[in-house]
Structures are given as structure tokens and as C-alpha cells.
């Protein structure tokens, strides 16, 4: 029996492409519904696809059904717009009237979106179920490991990230020598790293820490790092990355570990208490 056709709701970053590659490797049929202003057209070349703006839910649902999609995965980053710039169509407006767009944090909103998609008859799956090899393992991914100061910064970073996540704000923090240089909010991880680089102190560099939110919906928006994360961390003068093992995604772990080794960075999966 052939696998159900997978619909990829594609945003920015490497994750949609990795899922497409996994489907190709197994012969699974796939259709990409790419969000304008987020997904990379060049990366999706040669894949059955359609493009839709974020606020056009009616068009999106129609395209998914016309292309025989049964299962859905949400993959890639999307910057949350204001309600004004979203320009919701009637279907999106109906959804927001019920759930309250402004009252929900990102995780709360995404949980509501998943519920809505399931009410429409789609099965929503997590990226980790399609890319089990990308789930962050416990321990170092490359040759380098954190020293005592970095371990203390990681421990503080996880406490900060947990507190941040409990408020449904963000998933990441940067800590250097016991000082919190920044936390992730609406700007996203890349902007957080750049901001922390401008604020860094003399001495051993800081650490980027990413952790799932308490009660995180595992089927969407898991903490994710990739080659771009490593490059940005190196450019910002930080010295390592720590992610929550078992609940984070590492895109192309071997390539990422090699890039971290070349940059002189550690990357490590941690099971926080």
C-alpha cells in the first residue's frame, strides 16, 4: 500500500528541503504549499507546488484538496505578521474570530492551526517523525566540548529559555560568563545571535541555548539548528550551541558537526533537569 500524499506547508530555512529529500528517498508522493515571502523558490524547484500568501486560508485549503493531500507537515520559519499586514480572507478571519489572534502566543496559535487543519480532515504529523535522524542526540556532535564556564552558561541558558517558553514568547537565549546577552522574541534566532554578538563582553564567548517550550506542540516549531545557525554563531563571536536533546532538530547533523569543528565551536545536545 502506497504512503499517503504528504503536503508540506513550507516556510523559510532548510527543513522543507530535507523533508522533500526524505520523501524522494522513499518514493513518497509530496506536494508543497509554499508561503509567499518565506519559502525559497530556488530550493523548491522541480517539486509539485503552489504558492499562497499567509492570510489566504481558503485558497490554501482548496489547493491541498485539489492535489490529493492527506497528511500535512508544517516546516520552516514564518515571521508572524500583524493582523493588518496579514490581510485575512474570509476563512482566515473566521478562524481568528474564534481563537483570538492577538491573545495567543506562537505555540498557542500553532496548536489552534493544527486543530483547525485536523477539523478539515487532514492528519498533521511532526517533522521529527519524517526525519528521525535529525532529532538532536545527547552529547557533543563534533570534536569540541564545553568547559566549566560554558557549562554554567548553558545551565543558566536553559533556565532562561524555559522561563521564556512558559510565557510562549521564544525558545532561545544567549549567555556569556553568567550574563544574559539576549533572549529570543518575535525577531527569531538569527536576529538574536546578531544582537548578542554586538553586546558580547571580553573573554570567553557566549553560548546559544535552544529549548522546547513547556508543553511544546511537538508537531510544529521544534527548536531547530542548521548550517546557517553555525555560521551566524561563529560570525557573532560566540563559542558554542546547546540544544535540548530529544526535542530539537539538527538539520544534517554530520555536515553541521563538521562545520562547527572548522569554526572552532562546540555543538551539544543536553537533557536539562
Protein backbone atom coordinates (compact mmCIF):
# COMPACT_ATOMS: atom_id res chain seq x y z
CA UNK A 1 0.00 0.00 0.00
CA UNK A 2 1.50 3.36 -1.03
CA UNK A 3 2.05 6.07 1.54
CA UNK A 4 -0.43 8.90 1.81
CA UNK A 5 0.48 12.01 -0.15
CA UNK A 6 2.28 14.45 2.11
CA UNK A 7 1.60 18.15 1.96
CA UNK A 8 4.46 20.36 3.13
CA UNK A 9 3.43 23.78 4.39
CA UNK A 10 6.75 25.40 3.61
CA UNK A 11 8.34 28.41 5.23
CA UNK A 12 11.94 29.59 5.32
CA UNK A 13 15.07 27.58 6.01
CA UNK A 14 16.44 24.15 5.23
CA UNK A 15 13.75 21.98 6.82
CA UNK A 16 11.28 21.84 3.88
CA UNK A 17 14.05 20.72 1.52
CA UNK A 18 15.22 17.99 3.90
CA UNK A 19 11.68 16.63 4.14
CA UNK A 20 11.36 16.69 0.35
CA UNK A 21 14.63 14.74 0.09
CA UNK A 22 13.35 12.16 2.60
CA UNK A 23 10.15 11.70 0.61
CA UNK A 24 12.10 11.27 -2.62
CA UNK A 25 14.30 8.64 -1.00
CA UNK A 26 11.26 6.55 -0.07
CA UNK A 27 9.19 7.30 -3.17
CA UNK A 28 6.52 9.05 -1.17
CA UNK A 29 4.35 11.48 -3.16
CA UNK A 30 4.63 15.07 -1.98
CA UNK A 31 3.04 18.44 -2.67
CA UNK A 32 4.44 21.72 -1.40
CA UNK A 33 2.21 24.62 -0.42
CA UNK A 34 4.77 27.40 -0.10
CA UNK A 35 4.14 30.67 1.72
CA UNK A 36 4.97 33.83 -0.20
CA UNK A 37 7.72 35.89 1.36
CA UNK A 38 9.03 32.97 3.42
CA UNK A 39 9.88 29.89 1.34
CA UNK A 40 12.81 29.89 -1.10
CA UNK A 41 11.63 29.36 -4.72
CA UNK A 42 15.04 28.08 -5.85
CA UNK A 43 15.13 25.42 -3.13
CA UNK A 44 11.72 24.08 -4.18
CA UNK A 45 12.42 23.87 -7.91
CA UNK A 46 11.25 20.65 -9.54
CA UNK A 47 8.74 19.78 -6.81
CA UNK A 48 4.94 19.81 -7.33
CA UNK A 49 3.97 23.07 -5.66
CA UNK A 50 1.71 26.05 -5.34
CA UNK A 51 2.23 29.40 -3.66
CA UNK A 52 -0.14 31.21 -1.35
CA UNK A 53 0.01 34.23 0.87
CA UNK A 54 -0.21 33.57 4.59
CA UNK A 55 -3.67 35.07 5.10
CA UNK A 56 -5.34 33.17 2.25
CA UNK A 57 -6.55 30.07 4.09
CA UNK A 58 -9.43 29.37 1.69
CA UNK A 59 -7.07 29.20 -1.29
CA UNK A 60 -4.60 27.06 0.66
CA UNK A 61 -7.19 24.50 1.72
CA UNK A 62 -8.55 24.32 -1.82
CA UNK A 63 -5.08 23.72 -3.28
CA UNK A 64 -4.32 20.97 -0.77
CA UNK A 65 -7.54 19.15 -1.59
CA UNK A 66 -7.16 19.58 -5.36
CA UNK A 67 -3.72 17.97 -5.10
CA UNK A 68 -4.89 14.96 -3.11
CA UNK A 69 -3.03 15.74 0.12
CA UNK A 70 -3.91 13.54 3.10
CA UNK A 71 -1.15 14.27 5.61
CA UNK A 72 0.42 17.63 6.42
CA UNK A 73 3.68 18.75 7.95
CA UNK A 74 4.48 22.33 8.89
CA UNK A 75 8.13 23.02 8.09
CA UNK A 76 10.26 26.15 8.08
CA UNK A 77 10.14 29.53 9.72
CA UNK A 78 7.45 32.13 9.13
CA UNK A 79 7.64 35.60 10.62
CA UNK A 80 4.41 36.30 12.44
CA UNK A 81 2.76 39.30 10.77
CA UNK A 82 0.45 41.87 12.26
CA UNK A 83 -3.23 41.26 11.68
CA UNK A 84 -3.31 44.32 9.41
CA UNK A 85 -0.46 43.13 7.16
CA UNK A 86 -1.87 39.58 7.09
CA UNK A 87 -4.94 40.74 5.11
CA UNK A 88 -7.01 37.69 6.15
CA UNK A 89 -9.52 36.25 3.70
CA UNK A 90 -12.95 35.17 4.93
CA UNK A 91 -11.72 31.73 6.02
CA UNK A 92 -8.77 33.14 7.96
CA UNK A 93 -10.93 35.85 9.53
CA UNK A 94 -13.43 33.24 10.68
CA UNK A 95 -10.62 31.27 12.34
CA UNK A 96 -9.21 34.33 14.10
CA UNK A 97 -12.62 35.41 15.30
CA UNK A 98 -12.90 32.08 17.08
CA UNK A 99 -9.38 31.72 18.54
CA UNK A 100 -8.33 35.33 19.12
CA UNK A 101 -5.19 36.14 17.10
CA UNK A 102 -3.78 38.80 19.41
CA UNK A 103 -4.43 36.80 22.59
CA UNK A 104 -2.31 33.79 21.59
CA UNK A 105 1.46 33.31 21.67
CA UNK A 106 3.14 31.50 18.81
CA UNK A 107 2.77 27.99 20.26
CA UNK A 108 -0.84 28.61 21.23
CA UNK A 109 -1.62 29.89 17.75
CA UNK A 110 0.09 26.96 16.06
CA UNK A 111 -1.81 24.49 18.24
CA UNK A 112 -5.03 26.18 17.13
CA UNK A 113 -3.94 25.96 13.48
CA UNK A 114 -3.22 22.23 13.84
CA UNK A 115 -6.65 21.67 15.39
CA UNK A 116 -8.23 23.58 12.50
CA UNK A 117 -6.39 21.52 9.89
CA UNK A 118 -7.47 18.31 11.58
CA UNK A 119 -11.07 19.54 11.64
CA UNK A 120 -10.70 19.99 7.88
CA UNK A 121 -9.83 16.29 7.58
CA UNK A 122 -6.03 16.36 7.31
CA UNK A 123 -3.65 14.36 9.50
CA UNK A 124 -0.90 16.59 10.85
CA UNK A 125 2.47 14.95 11.54
CA UNK A 126 5.69 16.29 13.00
CA UNK A 127 8.91 16.89 11.11
CA UNK A 128 10.68 14.68 13.64
CA UNK A 129 8.59 11.69 12.54
CA UNK A 130 9.75 12.23 8.95
CA UNK A 131 13.38 12.99 9.85
CA UNK A 132 14.13 10.83 12.90
CA UNK A 133 17.85 11.10 12.18
CA UNK A 134 17.63 14.87 12.71
CA UNK A 135 16.43 14.65 16.33
CA UNK A 136 19.24 16.02 18.49
CA UNK A 137 21.08 13.28 20.40
CA UNK A 138 22.51 13.74 23.87
CA UNK A 139 26.19 14.68 23.91
CA UNK A 140 28.58 16.54 21.59
CA UNK A 141 28.04 16.47 17.83
CA UNK A 142 31.60 17.42 16.94
CA UNK A 143 35.06 17.20 18.45
CA UNK A 144 34.76 20.14 20.84
CA UNK A 145 33.04 20.16 24.23
CA UNK A 146 32.12 22.99 26.62
CA UNK A 147 34.43 23.88 29.51
CA UNK A 148 33.25 24.63 33.06
CA UNK A 149 32.33 28.25 32.28
CA UNK A 150 30.39 27.25 29.18
CA UNK A 151 28.59 24.51 31.13
CA UNK A 152 27.49 27.10 33.69
CA UNK A 153 26.30 29.39 30.89
CA UNK A 154 24.39 26.51 29.32
CA UNK A 155 22.66 25.70 32.62
CA UNK A 156 21.60 29.33 33.03
CA UNK A 157 20.56 29.49 29.39
CA UNK A 158 18.21 26.54 29.82
CA UNK A 159 16.61 28.13 32.88
CA UNK A 160 16.08 31.36 30.97
CA UNK A 161 14.76 29.58 27.88
CA UNK A 162 12.33 27.56 30.00
CA UNK A 163 11.00 30.70 31.67
CA UNK A 164 10.70 32.40 28.29
CA UNK A 165 8.94 29.38 26.82
CA UNK A 166 6.48 29.18 29.71
CA UNK A 167 5.22 32.61 28.59
CA UNK A 168 5.03 31.36 24.97
CA UNK A 169 7.48 34.02 23.78
CA UNK A 170 10.56 32.25 22.38
CA UNK A 171 12.86 29.25 22.59
CA UNK A 172 16.39 30.62 22.81
CA UNK A 173 18.81 32.65 24.91
CA UNK A 174 22.45 33.70 24.65
CA UNK A 175 24.52 33.68 27.83
CA UNK A 176 28.15 34.78 28.28
CA UNK A 177 30.06 34.40 31.56
CA UNK A 178 26.83 34.33 33.57
CA UNK A 179 25.32 37.35 31.77
CA UNK A 180 22.21 37.01 29.63
CA UNK A 181 23.07 38.87 26.42
CA UNK A 182 19.68 38.35 24.86
CA UNK A 183 16.53 36.27 24.61
CA UNK A 184 14.50 35.32 21.56
CA UNK A 185 11.25 37.14 20.89
CA UNK A 186 9.47 37.91 17.64
CA UNK A 187 12.72 38.65 15.78
CA UNK A 188 13.81 34.98 15.69
CA UNK A 189 17.05 33.16 16.45
CA UNK A 190 19.22 34.68 13.70
CA UNK A 191 18.48 38.22 14.85
CA UNK A 192 19.04 37.21 18.48
CA UNK A 193 22.50 35.85 17.60
CA UNK A 194 23.43 39.03 15.73
CA UNK A 195 22.24 41.23 18.61
CA UNK A 196 24.15 39.14 21.16
CA UNK A 197 27.29 39.49 19.02
CA UNK A 198 27.07 43.26 19.31
CA UNK A 199 26.69 43.01 23.10
CA UNK A 200 29.39 40.42 23.85
CA UNK A 201 31.99 41.07 26.55
CA UNK A 202 35.73 40.49 26.58
CA UNK A 203 36.87 36.97 27.41
CA UNK A 204 35.35 33.57 26.63
CA UNK A 205 32.50 33.88 24.19
CA UNK A 206 28.84 33.22 24.87
CA UNK A 207 26.63 30.22 24.20
CA UNK A 208 23.40 29.95 22.23
CA UNK A 209 20.87 27.75 24.04
CA UNK A 210 17.68 26.48 22.40
CA UNK A 211 14.98 24.52 24.24
CA UNK A 212 11.40 23.44 23.64
CA UNK A 213 8.69 25.37 25.40
CA UNK A 214 6.98 23.65 28.35
CA UNK A 215 4.05 21.78 26.81
CA UNK A 216 5.52 22.30 23.32
CA UNK A 217 3.38 21.02 20.45
CA UNK A 218 5.87 18.53 19.00
CA UNK A 219 4.32 18.52 15.55
CA UNK A 220 5.38 22.08 14.80
CA UNK A 221 8.07 24.65 15.57
CA UNK A 222 10.52 22.39 17.36
CA UNK A 223 13.79 24.18 18.19
CA UNK A 224 15.94 23.80 15.09
CA UNK A 225 19.55 24.50 14.16
CA UNK A 226 21.31 24.13 10.83
CA UNK A 227 24.40 25.22 8.96
CA UNK A 228 23.21 28.82 8.93
CA UNK A 229 22.99 28.76 12.73
CA UNK A 230 26.61 27.61 12.98
CA UNK A 231 27.75 30.32 10.56
CA UNK A 232 25.84 33.02 12.45
CA UNK A 233 27.14 31.88 15.84
CA UNK A 234 30.71 31.95 14.54
CA UNK A 235 30.24 35.40 12.98
CA UNK A 236 28.86 36.74 16.26
CA UNK A 237 31.93 35.60 18.20
CA UNK A 238 30.05 33.04 20.29
CA UNK A 239 31.75 29.76 21.08
CA UNK A 240 29.05 27.14 21.10
CA UNK A 241 25.48 25.93 20.75
CA UNK A 242 23.48 23.81 23.19
CA UNK A 243 20.11 22.34 22.24
CA UNK A 244 17.64 20.24 24.15
CA UNK A 245 18.29 16.62 23.26
CA UNK A 246 15.30 14.62 22.09
CA UNK A 247 13.11 17.66 21.40
CA UNK A 248 15.24 19.68 18.96
CA UNK A 249 16.09 19.18 15.30
CA UNK A 250 19.61 19.30 13.89
CA UNK A 251 19.47 19.66 10.12
CA UNK A 252 22.15 17.42 8.53
CA UNK A 253 23.98 16.51 11.77
CA UNK A 254 27.20 15.28 10.10
CA UNK A 255 27.62 18.39 7.96
CA UNK A 256 26.74 20.60 10.90
CA UNK A 257 29.29 18.89 13.17
CA UNK A 258 31.99 19.27 10.51
CA UNK A 259 31.15 22.96 10.06
CA UNK A 260 31.26 23.51 13.82
CA UNK A 261 34.66 21.81 14.05
CA UNK A 262 36.02 24.03 11.28
CA UNK A 263 34.68 27.12 13.04
CA UNK A 264 36.07 26.07 16.44
CA UNK A 265 32.61 25.80 18.01
CA UNK A 266 31.03 23.12 20.16
CA UNK A 267 27.53 21.83 19.48
CA UNK A 268 25.99 19.69 22.16
CA UNK A 269 22.66 18.08 22.99
CA UNK A 270 21.67 18.40 26.64
CA UNK A 271 18.95 16.71 28.68
CA UNK A 272 18.13 19.56 31.07
CA UNK A 273 16.81 18.66 34.53
